[in-house]
Amino acid sequence: MVERAILLVNDGEAIDLWHLFLGSGRACIRADLALTNDGRVSGAEVGKEQDQSISHLVGLLRQNGEGLETFECTIVEAALEAAQGNVAQVARDLGMTRRQPASRLEKIGR
């Protein structure tokens, strides 16, 4: 991602969000969002949306009677599909070591 931004940015120009996410389809860049000094996304709606998403996920876990381990495996499977089977990419995307995604899937026999 950073390499792409370096290629897209003009000499002397600062790297902006669109340089990082151009055409990736993985980020929706909105004008009311910004990056903090530590690289986190900030904005009026970010916290509220995140809280709602977490509440929704907890509700699904309760409703389906699934544990966190199964939920983690579901996330890893979705990331693996998005990465077209590239386990190293899944690890980078999810902030894991390369072994962790494979280990999560092995636990449930996938």
PDB file of N, CA and C in Angstrom:
ATOM      1  N   MET A   1       0.830  -1.177   0.000  1.00  0.00           N
ATOM      2  CA  MET A   1       0.000   0.000   0.000  1.00  0.00           C
ATOM      3  C   MET A   1       0.882   1.250   0.000  1.00  0.00           C
ATOM      4  N   VAL A   2       1.877   1.275   0.863  1.00  0.00           N
ATOM      5  CA  VAL A   2       2.763   2.438   0.940  1.00  0.00           C
ATOM      6  C   VAL A   2       3.560   2.573  -0.348  1.00  0.00           C
ATOM      7  N   GLU A   3       3.976   1.427  -0.895  1.00  0.00           N
ATOM      8  CA  GLU A   3       4.730   1.472  -2.148  1.00  0.00           C
ATOM      9  C   GLU A   3       3.902   2.112  -3.256  1.00  0.00           C
ATOM     10  N   ARG A   4       2.618   1.747  -3.327  1.00  0.00           N
ATOM     11  CA  ARG A   4       1.719   2.325  -4.332  1.00  0.00           C
ATOM     12  C   ARG A   4       1.605   3.833  -4.124  1.00  0.00           C
ATOM     13  N   ALA A   5       1.480   4.251  -2.866  1.00  0.00           N
ATOM     14  CA  ALA A   5       1.365   5.680  -2.574  1.00  0.00           C
ATOM     15  C   ALA A   5       2.610   6.425  -3.029  1.00  0.00           C
ATOM     16  N   ILE A   6       3.772   5.834  -2.805  1.00  0.00           N
ATOM     17  CA  ILE A   6       5.026   6.478  -3.212  1.00  0.00           C
ATOM     18  C   ILE A   6       5.075   6.644  -4.724  1.00  0.00           C
ATOM     19  N   LEU A   7       4.568   5.648  -5.446  1.00  0.00           N
ATOM     20  CA  LEU A   7       4.554   5.745  -6.907  1.00  0.00           C
ATOM     21  C   LEU A   7       3.563   6.791  -7.409  1.00  0.00           C
ATOM     22  N   LEU A   8       2.458   6.973  -6.689  1.00  0.00           N
ATOM     23  CA  LEU A   8       1.413   7.895  -7.137  1.00  0.00           C
ATOM     24  C   LEU A   8       1.672   9.352  -6.769  1.00  0.00           C
ATOM     25  N   VAL A   9       2.396   9.581  -5.701  1.00  0.00           N
ATOM     26  CA  VAL A   9       2.597  10.943  -5.214  1.00  0.00           C
ATOM     27  C   VAL A   9       3.603  11.687  -6.100  1.00  0.00           C
ATOM     28  N   ASN A  10       3.344  12.967  -6.323  1.00  0.00           N
ATOM     29  CA  ASN A  10       4.265  13.808  -7.088  1.00  0.00           C
ATOM     30  C   ASN A  10       5.426  14.245  -6.206  1.00  0.00           C
ATOM     31  N   ASP A  11       6.560  14.553  -6.801  1.00  0.00           N
ATOM     32  CA  ASP A  11       7.725  15.015  -6.045  1.00  0.00           C
ATOM     33  C   ASP A  11       7.355  16.207  -5.170  1.00  0.00           C
ATOM     34  N   GLY A  12       7.723  16.145  -3.908  1.00  0.00           N
ATOM     35  CA  GLY A  12       7.468  17.236  -2.981  1.00  0.00           C
ATOM     36  C   GLY A  12       6.063  17.250  -2.408  1.00  0.00           C
ATOM     37  N   GLU A  13       5.194  16.365  -2.873  1.00  0.00           N
ATOM     38  CA  GLU A  13       3.807  16.320  -2.406  1.00  0.00           C
ATOM     39  C   GLU A  13       3.696  15.345  -1.234  1.00  0.00           C
ATOM     40  N   ALA A  14       2.835  15.667  -0.281  1.00  0.00           N
ATOM     41  CA  ALA A  14       2.605  14.771   0.853  1.00  0.00           C
ATOM     42  C   ALA A  14       1.690  13.627   0.427  1.00  0.00           C
ATOM     43  N   ILE A  15       1.907  12.454   0.990  1.00  0.00           N
ATOM     44  CA  ILE A  15       1.034  11.312   0.719  1.00  0.00           C
ATOM     45  C   ILE A  15      -0.302  11.566   1.399  1.00  0.00           C
ATOM     46  N   ASP A  16      -1.381  11.374   0.652  1.00  0.00           N
ATOM     47  CA  ASP A  16      -2.734  11.592   1.151  1.00  0.00           C
ATOM     48  C   ASP A  16      -3.478  10.252   1.150  1.00  0.00           C
ATOM     49  N   LEU A  17      -4.670  10.221   1.750  1.00  0.00           N
ATOM     50  CA  LEU A  17      -5.444   8.985   1.813  1.00  0.00           C
ATOM     51  C   LEU A  17      -5.716   8.386   0.441  1.00  0.00           C
ATOM     52  N   TRP A  18      -6.024   9.212  -0.537  1.00  0.00           N
ATOM     53  CA  TRP A  18      -6.372   8.661  -1.852  1.00  0.00           C
ATOM     54  C   TRP A  18      -5.174   7.985  -2.498  1.00  0.00           C
ATOM     55  N   HIS A  19      -3.951   8.409  -2.145  1.00  0.00           N
ATOM     56  CA  HIS A  19      -2.765   7.725  -2.662  1.00  0.00           C
ATOM     57  C   HIS A  19      -2.686   6.293  -2.111  1.00  0.00           C
ATOM     58  N   LEU A  20      -3.108   6.131  -0.869  1.00  0.00           N
ATOM     59  CA  LEU A  20      -3.034   4.828  -0.220  1.00  0.00           C
ATOM     60  C   LEU A  20      -4.128   3.875  -0.676  1.00  0.00           C
ATOM     61  N   PHE A  21      -5.330   4.390  -0.914  1.00  0.00           N
ATOM     62  CA  PHE A  21      -6.479   3.524  -1.146  1.00  0.00           C
ATOM     63  C   PHE A  21      -7.060   3.603  -2.545  1.00  0.00           C
ATOM     64  N   LEU A  22      -6.406   4.227  -3.463  1.00  0.00           N
ATOM     65  CA  LEU A  22      -6.914   4.391  -4.824  1.00  0.00           C
ATOM     66  C   LEU A  22      -7.257   3.049  -5.451  1.00  0.00           C
ATOM     67  N   GLY A  23      -8.523   2.865  -5.749  1.00  0.00           N
ATOM     68  CA  GLY A  23      -8.960   1.688  -6.483  1.00  0.00           C
ATOM     69  C   GLY A  23      -8.864   0.372  -5.743  1.00  0.00           C
ATOM     70  N   SER A  24      -8.577   0.397  -4.463  1.00  0.00           N
ATOM     71  CA  SER A  24      -8.442  -0.872  -3.752  1.00  0.00           C
ATOM     72  C   SER A  24      -9.792  -1.473  -3.417  1.00  0.00           C
ATOM     73  N   GLY A  25     -10.835  -0.635  -3.349  1.00  0.00           N
ATOM     74  CA  GLY A  25     -12.147  -1.129  -2.988  1.00  0.00           C
ATOM     75  C   GLY A  25     -12.242  -1.521  -1.521  1.00  0.00           C
ATOM     76  N   ARG A  26     -11.198  -1.308  -0.753  1.00  0.00           N
ATOM     77  CA  ARG A  26     -11.176  -1.732   0.639  1.00  0.00           C
ATOM     78  C   ARG A  26     -11.435  -0.592   1.606  1.00  0.00           C
ATOM     79  N   ALA A  27     -11.487   0.609   1.093  1.00  0.00           N
ATOM     80  CA  ALA A  27     -11.700   1.740   1.993  1.00  0.00           C
ATOM     81  C   ALA A  27     -12.660   2.722   1.361  1.00  0.00           C
ATOM     82  N   CYS A  28     -13.506   3.238   2.166  1.00  0.00           N
ATOM     83  CA  CYS A  28     -14.423   4.276   1.712  1.00  0.00           C
ATOM     84  C   CYS A  28     -13.904   5.580   2.309  1.00  0.00           C
ATOM     85  N   ILE A  29     -13.355   6.429   1.475  1.00  0.00           N
ATOM     86  CA  ILE A  29     -12.748   7.661   1.965  1.00  0.00           C
ATOM     87  C   ILE A  29     -13.816   8.741   2.010  1.00  0.00           C
ATOM     88  N   ARG A  30     -13.998   9.318   3.184  1.00  0.00           N
ATOM     89  CA  ARG A  30     -15.001  10.359   3.355  1.00  0.00           C
ATOM     90  C   ARG A  30     -14.310  11.630   3.805  1.00  0.00           C
ATOM     91  N   ALA A  31     -14.901  12.740   3.441  1.00  0.00           N
ATOM     92  CA  ALA A  31     -14.301  14.032   3.756  1.00  0.00           C
ATOM     93  C   ALA A  31     -14.283  14.322   5.254  1.00  0.00           C
ATOM     94  N   ASP A  32     -15.191  13.719   6.026  1.00  0.00           N
ATOM     95  CA  ASP A  32     -15.248  14.014   7.453  1.00  0.00           C
ATOM     96  C   ASP A  32     -14.314  13.132   8.284  1.00  0.00           C
ATOM     97  N   LEU A  33     -13.474  12.356   7.624  1.00  0.00           N
ATOM     98  CA  LEU A  33     -12.524  11.511   8.327  1.00  0.00           C
ATOM     99  C   LEU A  33     -11.118  12.070   8.198  1.00  0.00           C
ATOM    100  N   ALA A  34     -10.290  11.757   9.167  1.00  0.00           N
ATOM    101  CA  ALA A  34      -8.892  12.186   9.139  1.00  0.00           C
ATOM    102  C   ALA A  34      -8.060  11.141   9.860  1.00  0.00           C
ATOM    103  N   LEU A  35      -6.765  11.192   9.652  1.00  0.00           N
ATOM    104  CA  LEU A  35      -5.848  10.312  10.368  1.00  0.00           C
ATOM    105  C   LEU A  35      -5.227  11.072  11.525  1.00  0.00           C
ATOM    106  N   THR A  36      -5.172  10.434  12.687  1.00  0.00           N
ATOM    107  CA  THR A  36      -4.518  11.041  13.837  1.00  0.00           C
ATOM    108  C   THR A  36      -3.014  10.840  13.700  1.00  0.00           C
ATOM    109  N   ASN A  37      -2.248  11.448  14.597  1.00  0.00           N
ATOM    110  CA  ASN A  37      -0.787  11.319  14.550  1.00  0.00           C
ATOM    111  C   ASN A  37      -0.310   9.882  14.702  1.00  0.00           C
ATOM    112  N   ASP A  38      -1.097   9.044  15.384  1.00  0.00           N
ATOM    113  CA  ASP A  38      -0.696   7.646  15.548  1.00  0.00           C
ATOM    114  C   ASP A  38      -1.286   6.736  14.472  1.00  0.00           C
ATOM    115  N   GLY A  39      -1.873   7.329  13.421  1.00  0.00           N
ATOM    116  CA  GLY A  39      -2.348   6.558  12.278  1.00  0.00           C
ATOM    117  C   GLY A  39      -3.755   6.011  12.399  1.00  0.00           C
ATOM    118  N   ARG A  40      -4.489   6.401  13.413  1.00  0.00           N
ATOM    119  CA  ARG A  40      -5.871   5.939  13.575  1.00  0.00           C
ATOM    120  C   ARG A  40      -6.823   6.866  12.829  1.00  0.00           C
ATOM    121  N   VAL A  41      -7.951   6.309  12.413  1.00  0.00           N
ATOM    122  CA  VAL A  41      -8.966   7.107  11.734  1.00  0.00           C
ATOM    123  C   VAL A  41      -9.790   7.821  12.791  1.00  0.00           C
ATOM    124  N   SER A  42     -10.040   9.098  12.577  1.00  0.00           N
ATOM    125  CA  SER A  42     -10.867   9.846  13.515  1.00  0.00           C
ATOM    126  C   SER A  42     -11.974  10.550  12.749  1.00  0.00           C
ATOM    127  N   GLY A  43     -13.031  10.840  13.431  1.00  0.00           N
ATOM    128  CA  GLY A  43     -14.159  11.535  12.837  1.00  0.00           C
ATOM    129  C   GLY A  43     -15.362  11.396  13.744  1.00  0.00           C
ATOM    130  N   ALA A  44     -16.343  12.227  13.534  1.00  0.00           N
ATOM    131  CA  ALA A  44     -17.500  12.270  14.413  1.00  0.00           C
ATOM    132  C   ALA A  44     -18.263  10.948  14.456  1.00  0.00           C
ATOM    133  N   GLU A  45     -18.388  10.295  13.320  1.00  0.00           N
ATOM    134  CA  GLU A  45     -19.211   9.096  13.250  1.00  0.00           C
ATOM    135  C   GLU A  45     -18.437   7.799  13.465  1.00  0.00           C
ATOM    136  N   VAL A  46     -17.118   7.850  13.426  1.00  0.00           N
ATOM    137  CA  VAL A  46     -16.331   6.618  13.493  1.00  0.00           C
ATOM    138  C   VAL A  46     -16.600   5.862  14.782  1.00  0.00           C
ATOM    139  N   GLY A  47     -16.528   6.517  15.926  1.00  0.00           N
ATOM    140  CA  GLY A  47     -16.753   5.850  17.203  1.00  0.00           C
ATOM    141  C   GLY A  47     -18.144   5.268  17.317  1.00  0.00           C
ATOM    142  N   LYS A  48     -19.145   6.020  16.882  1.00  0.00           N
ATOM    143  CA  LYS A  48     -20.533   5.566  16.946  1.00  0.00           C
ATOM    144  C   LYS A  48     -20.740   4.345  16.053  1.00  0.00           C
ATOM    145  N   GLU A  49     -20.229   4.392  14.828  1.00  0.00           N
ATOM    146  CA  GLU A  49     -20.374   3.270  13.898  1.00  0.00           C
ATOM    147  C   GLU A  49     -19.659   2.033  14.429  1.00  0.00           C
ATOM    148  N   GLN A  50     -18.484   2.228  15.007  1.00  0.00           N
ATOM    149  CA  GLN A  50     -17.728   1.103  15.547  1.00  0.00           C
ATOM    150  C   GLN A  50     -18.482   0.472  16.714  1.00  0.00           C
ATOM    151  N   ASP A  51     -19.029   1.289  17.603  1.00  0.00           N
ATOM    152  CA  ASP A  51     -19.795   0.771  18.734  1.00  0.00           C
ATOM    153  C   ASP A  51     -21.001  -0.031  18.255  1.00  0.00           C
ATOM    154  N   GLN A  52     -21.703   0.475  17.231  1.00  0.00           N
ATOM    155  CA  GLN A  52     -22.864  -0.226  16.691  1.00  0.00           C
ATOM    156  C   GLN A  52     -22.455  -1.551  16.063  1.00  0.00           C
ATOM    157  N   SER A  53     -21.339  -1.552  15.352  1.00  0.00           N
ATOM    158  CA  SER A  53     -20.856  -2.785  14.716  1.00  0.00           C
ATOM    159  C   SER A  53     -20.502  -3.831  15.760  1.00  0.00           C
ATOM    160  N   ILE A  54     -19.821  -3.403  16.812  1.00  0.00           N
ATOM    161  CA  ILE A  54     -19.432  -4.334  17.872  1.00  0.00           C
ATOM    162  C   ILE A  54     -20.669  -4.892  18.564  1.00  0.00           C
ATOM    163  N   SER A  55     -21.639  -4.038  18.851  1.00  0.00           N
ATOM    164  CA  SER A  55     -22.877  -4.500  19.483  1.00  0.00           C
ATOM    165  C   SER A  55     -23.595  -5.516  18.602  1.00  0.00           C
ATOM    166  N   HIS A  56     -23.613  -5.250  17.304  1.00  0.00           N
ATOM    167  CA  HIS A  56     -24.250  -6.167  16.357  1.00  0.00           C
ATOM    168  C   HIS A  56     -23.540  -7.523  16.356  1.00  0.00           C
ATOM    169  N   LEU A  57     -22.226  -7.511  16.346  1.00  0.00           N
ATOM    170  CA  LEU A  57     -21.461  -8.759  16.340  1.00  0.00           C
ATOM    171  C   LEU A  57     -21.671  -9.556  17.620  1.00  0.00           C
ATOM    172  N   VAL A  58     -21.694  -8.879  18.749  1.00  0.00           N
ATOM    173  CA  VAL A  58     -21.936  -9.562  20.026  1.00  0.00           C
ATOM    174  C   VAL A  58     -23.329 -10.188  20.017  1.00  0.00           C
ATOM    175  N   GLY A  59     -24.296  -9.462  19.469  1.00  0.00           N
ATOM    176  CA  GLY A  59     -25.651 -10.003  19.344  1.00  0.00           C
ATOM    177  C   GLY A  59     -25.693 -11.259  18.493  1.00  0.00           C
ATOM    178  N   LEU A  60     -24.963 -11.258  17.390  1.00  0.00           N
ATOM    179  CA  LEU A  60     -24.907 -12.444  16.528  1.00  0.00           C
ATOM    180  C   LEU A  60     -24.261 -13.625  17.241  1.00  0.00           C
ATOM    181  N   LEU A  61     -23.201 -13.358  17.988  1.00  0.00           N
ATOM    182  CA  LEU A  61     -22.544 -14.428  18.745  1.00  0.00           C
ATOM    183  C   LEU A  61     -23.508 -15.050  19.751  1.00  0.00           C
ATOM    184  N   ARG A  62     -24.257 -14.212  20.454  1.00  0.00           N
ATOM    185  CA  ARG A  62     -25.220 -14.705  21.442  1.00  0.00           C
ATOM    186  C   ARG A  62     -26.334 -15.496  20.761  1.00  0.00           C
ATOM    187  N   GLN A  63     -26.839 -14.936  19.675  1.00  0.00           N
ATOM    188  CA  GLN A  63     -27.958 -15.547  18.962  1.00  0.00           C
ATOM    189  C   GLN A  63     -27.587 -16.919  18.402  1.00  0.00           C
ATOM    190  N   ASN A  64     -26.415 -17.025  17.844  1.00  0.00           N
ATOM    191  CA  ASN A  64     -25.992 -18.271  17.206  1.00  0.00           C
ATOM    192  C   ASN A  64     -25.311 -19.235  18.164  1.00  0.00           C
ATOM    193  N   GLY A  65     -25.030 -18.790  19.376  1.00  0.00           N
ATOM    194  CA  GLY A  65     -24.381 -19.642  20.356  1.00  0.00           C
ATOM    195  C   GLY A  65     -22.950 -19.996  19.990  1.00  0.00           C
ATOM    196  N   GLU A  66     -22.343 -19.194  19.149  1.00  0.00           N
ATOM    197  CA  GLU A  66     -20.972 -19.454  18.725  1.00  0.00           C
ATOM    198  C   GLU A  66     -19.999 -18.770  19.672  1.00  0.00           C
ATOM    199  N   GLY A  67     -18.856 -19.379  19.824  1.00  0.00           N
ATOM    200  CA  GLY A  67     -17.821 -18.791  20.651  1.00  0.00           C
ATOM    201  C   GLY A  67     -16.934 -17.864  19.845  1.00  0.00           C
ATOM    202  N   LEU A  68     -16.087 -17.179  20.549  1.00  0.00           N
ATOM    203  CA  LEU A  68     -15.162 -16.239  19.925  1.00  0.00           C
ATOM    204  C   LEU A  68     -14.213 -16.954  18.969  1.00  0.00           C
ATOM    205  N   GLU A  69     -13.812 -18.170  19.317  1.00  0.00           N
ATOM    206  CA  GLU A  69     -12.892 -18.922  18.464  1.00  0.00           C
ATOM    207  C   GLU A  69     -13.511 -19.180  17.084  1.00  0.00           C
ATOM    208  N   THR A  70     -14.778 -19.579  17.054  1.00  0.00           N
ATOM    209  CA  THR A  70     -15.463 -19.809  15.778  1.00  0.00           C
ATOM    210  C   THR A  70     -15.590 -18.515  15.002  1.00  0.00           C
ATOM    211  N   PHE A  71     -15.870 -17.446  15.711  1.00  0.00           N
ATOM    212  CA  PHE A  71     -16.000 -16.142  15.069  1.00  0.00           C
ATOM    213  C   PHE A  71     -14.668 -15.708  14.459  1.00  0.00           C
ATOM    214  N   GLU A  72     -13.578 -15.915  15.185  1.00  0.00           N
ATOM    215  CA  GLU A  72     -12.245 -15.597  14.646  1.00  0.00           C
ATOM    216  C   GLU A  72     -11.973 -16.384  13.371  1.00  0.00           C
ATOM    217  N   CYS A  73     -12.331 -17.656  13.382  1.00  0.00           N
ATOM    218  CA  CYS A  73     -12.109 -18.496  12.203  1.00  0.00           C
ATOM    219  C   CYS A  73     -12.929 -17.995  11.018  1.00  0.00           C
ATOM    220  N   THR A  74     -14.138 -17.535  11.280  1.00  0.00           N
ATOM    221  CA  THR A  74     -14.980 -16.988  10.216  1.00  0.00           C
ATOM    222  C   THR A  74     -14.332 -15.750   9.611  1.00  0.00           C
ATOM    223  N   ILE A  75     -13.769 -14.910  10.459  1.00  0.00           N
ATOM    224  CA  ILE A  75     -13.081 -13.708   9.977  1.00  0.00           C
ATOM    225  C   ILE A  75     -11.867 -14.101   9.136  1.00  0.00           C
ATOM    226  N   VAL A  76     -11.095 -15.067   9.618  1.00  0.00           N
ATOM    227  CA  VAL A  76      -9.908 -15.510   8.879  1.00  0.00           C
ATOM    228  C   VAL A  76     -10.319 -16.107   7.534  1.00  0.00           C
ATOM    229  N   GLU A  77     -11.396 -16.898   7.517  1.00  0.00           N
ATOM    230  CA  GLU A  77     -11.868 -17.476   6.254  1.00  0.00           C
ATOM    231  C   GLU A  77     -12.269 -16.389   5.258  1.00  0.00           C
ATOM    232  N   ALA A  78     -12.984 -15.375   5.730  1.00  0.00           N
ATOM    233  CA  ALA A  78     -13.394 -14.280   4.848  1.00  0.00           C
ATOM    234  C   ALA A  78     -12.179 -13.526   4.318  1.00  0.00           C
ATOM    235  N   ALA A  79     -11.210 -13.299   5.191  1.00  0.00           N
ATOM    236  CA  ALA A  79      -9.989 -12.607   4.765  1.00  0.00           C
ATOM    237  C   ALA A  79      -9.201 -13.456   3.772  1.00  0.00           C
ATOM    238  N   LEU A  80      -9.201 -14.772   3.976  1.00  0.00           N
ATOM    239  CA  LEU A  80      -8.500 -15.685   3.072  1.00  0.00           C
ATOM    240  C   LEU A  80      -9.143 -15.672   1.686  1.00  0.00           C
ATOM    241  N   GLU A  81     -10.453 -15.632   1.655  1.00  0.00           N
ATOM    242  CA  GLU A  81     -11.157 -15.542   0.368  1.00  0.00           C
ATOM    243  C   GLU A  81     -10.841 -14.219  -0.324  1.00  0.00           C
ATOM    244  N   ALA A  82     -10.863 -13.130   0.438  1.00  0.00           N
ATOM    245  CA  ALA A  82     -10.563 -11.812  -0.134  1.00  0.00           C
ATOM    246  C   ALA A  82      -9.127 -11.739  -0.642  1.00  0.00           C
ATOM    247  N   ALA A  83      -8.221 -12.462   0.020  1.00  0.00           N
ATOM    248  CA  ALA A  83      -6.807 -12.459  -0.369  1.00  0.00           C
ATOM    249  C   ALA A  83      -6.494 -13.568  -1.372  1.00  0.00           C
ATOM    250  N   GLN A  84      -7.532 -14.216  -1.883  1.00  0.00           N
ATOM    251  CA  GLN A  84      -7.398 -15.278  -2.886  1.00  0.00           C
ATOM    252  C   GLN A  84      -6.447 -16.385  -2.432  1.00  0.00           C
ATOM    253  N   GLY A  85      -6.594 -16.775  -1.162  1.00  0.00           N
ATOM    254  CA  GLY A  85      -5.819 -17.882  -0.626  1.00  0.00           C
ATOM    255  C   GLY A  85      -4.420 -17.543  -0.144  1.00  0.00           C
ATOM    256  N   ASN A  86      -4.050 -16.287  -0.179  1.00  0.00           N
ATOM    257  CA  ASN A  86      -2.709 -15.863   0.225  1.00  0.00           C
ATOM    258  C   ASN A  86      -2.673 -15.671   1.745  1.00  0.00           C
ATOM    259  N   VAL A  87      -2.145 -16.672   2.446  1.00  0.00           N
ATOM    260  CA  VAL A  87      -2.128 -16.651   3.912  1.00  0.00           C
ATOM    261  C   VAL A  87      -1.261 -15.515   4.445  1.00  0.00           C
ATOM    262  N   ALA A  88      -0.151 -15.234   3.783  1.00  0.00           N
ATOM    263  CA  ALA A  88       0.716 -14.136   4.228  1.00  0.00           C
ATOM    264  C   ALA A  88      -0.025 -12.804   4.148  1.00  0.00           C
ATOM    265  N   GLN A  89      -0.837 -12.624   3.109  1.00  0.00           N
ATOM    266  CA  GLN A  89      -1.623 -11.392   2.973  1.00  0.00           C
ATOM    267  C   GLN A  89      -2.676 -11.310   4.069  1.00  0.00           C
ATOM    268  N   VAL A  90      -3.310 -12.434   4.379  1.00  0.00           N
ATOM    269  CA  VAL A  90      -4.300 -12.475   5.463  1.00  0.00           C
ATOM    270  C   VAL A  90      -3.648 -12.050   6.774  1.00  0.00           C
ATOM    271  N   ALA A  91      -2.467 -12.573   7.041  1.00  0.00           N
ATOM    272  CA  ALA A  91      -1.754 -12.217   8.271  1.00  0.00           C
ATOM    273  C   ALA A  91      -1.483 -10.721   8.324  1.00  0.00           C
ATOM    274  N   ARG A  92      -1.041 -10.155   7.213  1.00  0.00           N
ATOM    275  CA  ARG A  92      -0.786  -8.701   7.181  1.00  0.00           C
ATOM    276  C   ARG A  92      -2.084  -7.918   7.377  1.00  0.00           C
ATOM    277  N   ASP A  93      -3.141  -8.334   6.687  1.00  0.00           N
ATOM    278  CA  ASP A  93      -4.421  -7.624   6.768  1.00  0.00           C
ATOM    279  C   ASP A  93      -5.006  -7.639   8.175  1.00  0.00           C
ATOM    280  N   LEU A  94      -4.825  -8.756   8.878  1.00  0.00           N
ATOM    281  CA  LEU A  94      -5.424  -8.905  10.207  1.00  0.00           C
ATOM    282  C   LEU A  94      -4.460  -8.610  11.352  1.00  0.00           C
ATOM    283  N   GLY A  95      -3.228  -8.236  11.018  1.00  0.00           N
ATOM    284  CA  GLY A  95      -2.252  -7.918  12.058  1.00  0.00           C
ATOM    285  C   GLY A  95      -1.817  -9.141  12.851  1.00  0.00           C
ATOM    286  N   MET A  96      -1.674 -10.260  12.155  1.00  0.00           N
ATOM    287  CA  MET A  96      -1.278 -11.512  12.788  1.00  0.00           C
ATOM    288  C   MET A  96       0.079 -11.946  12.250  1.00  0.00           C
ATOM    289  N   THR A  97       0.663 -12.938  12.924  1.00  0.00           N
ATOM    290  CA  THR A  97       1.841 -13.573  12.341  1.00  0.00           C
ATOM    291  C   THR A  97       1.350 -14.470  11.213  1.00  0.00           C
ATOM    292  N   ARG A  98       2.263 -14.921  10.371  1.00  0.00           N
ATOM    293  CA  ARG A  98       1.863 -15.760   9.244  1.00  0.00           C
ATOM    294  C   ARG A  98       1.265 -17.090   9.722  1.00  0.00           C
ATOM    295  N   ARG A  99       1.711 -17.576  10.846  1.00  0.00           N
ATOM    296  CA  ARG A  99       1.240 -18.861  11.376  1.00  0.00           C
ATOM    297  C   ARG A  99      -0.151 -18.767  12.009  1.00  0.00           C
ATOM    298  N   GLN A 100      -0.515 -17.644  12.564  1.00  0.00           N
ATOM    299  CA  GLN A 100      -1.776 -17.531  13.300  1.00  0.00           C
ATOM    300  C   GLN A 100      -3.024 -17.807  12.457  1.00  0.00           C
ATOM    301  N   PRO A 101      -3.155 -17.264  11.237  1.00  0.00           N
ATOM    302  CA  PRO A 101      -4.367 -17.582  10.462  1.00  0.00           C
ATOM    303  C   PRO A 101      -4.497 -19.083  10.182  1.00  0.00           C
ATOM    304  N   ALA A 102      -3.394 -19.721   9.804  1.00  0.00           N
ATOM    305  CA  ALA A 102      -3.429 -21.160   9.530  1.00  0.00           C
ATOM    306  C   ALA A 102      -3.802 -21.939  10.789  1.00  0.00           C
ATOM    307  N   SER A 103      -3.274 -21.517  11.921  1.00  0.00           N
ATOM    308  CA  SER A 103      -3.572 -22.180  13.189  1.00  0.00           C
ATOM    309  C   SER A 103      -5.053 -22.072  13.534  1.00  0.00           C
ATOM    310  N   ARG A 104      -5.645 -20.898  13.327  1.00  0.00           N
ATOM    311  CA  ARG A 104      -7.070 -20.704  13.610  1.00  0.00           C
ATOM    312  C   ARG A 104      -7.922 -21.665  12.776  1.00  0.00           C
ATOM    313  N   LEU A 105      -7.560 -21.826  11.516  1.00  0.00           N
ATOM    314  CA  LEU A 105      -8.327 -22.696  10.629  1.00  0.00           C
ATOM    315  C   LEU A 105      -8.111 -24.174  10.952  1.00  0.00           C
ATOM    316  N   GLU A 106      -6.904 -24.536  11.354  1.00  0.00           N
ATOM    317  CA  GLU A 106      -6.615 -25.925  11.719  1.00  0.00           C
ATOM    318  C   GLU A 106      -7.421 -26.359  12.937  1.00  0.00           C
ATOM    319  N   LYS A 107      -7.656 -25.436  13.869  1.00  0.00           N
ATOM    320  CA  LYS A 107      -8.395 -25.751  15.092  1.00  0.00           C
ATOM    321  C   LYS A 107      -9.790 -26.275  14.796  1.00  0.00           C
ATOM    322  N   ILE A 108     -10.385 -25.790  13.719  1.00  0.00           N
ATOM    323  CA  ILE A 108     -11.747 -26.222  13.399  1.00  0.00           C
ATOM    324  C   ILE A 108     -11.781 -27.156  12.190  1.00  0.00           C
ATOM    325  N   GLY A 109     -10.612 -27.635  11.787  1.00  0.00           N
ATOM    326  CA  GLY A 109     -10.537 -28.614  10.715  1.00  0.00           C
ATOM    327  C   GLY A 109     -10.793 -28.077   9.324  1.00  0.00           C
ATOM    328  N   ARG A 110     -10.422 -26.841   9.078  1.00  0.00           N
ATOM    329  CA  ARG A 110     -10.615 -26.260   7.742  1.00  0.00           C
ATOM    330  C   ARG A 110      -9.297 -26.054   7.065  1.00  0.00           C
TER     331      ARG A 110
END
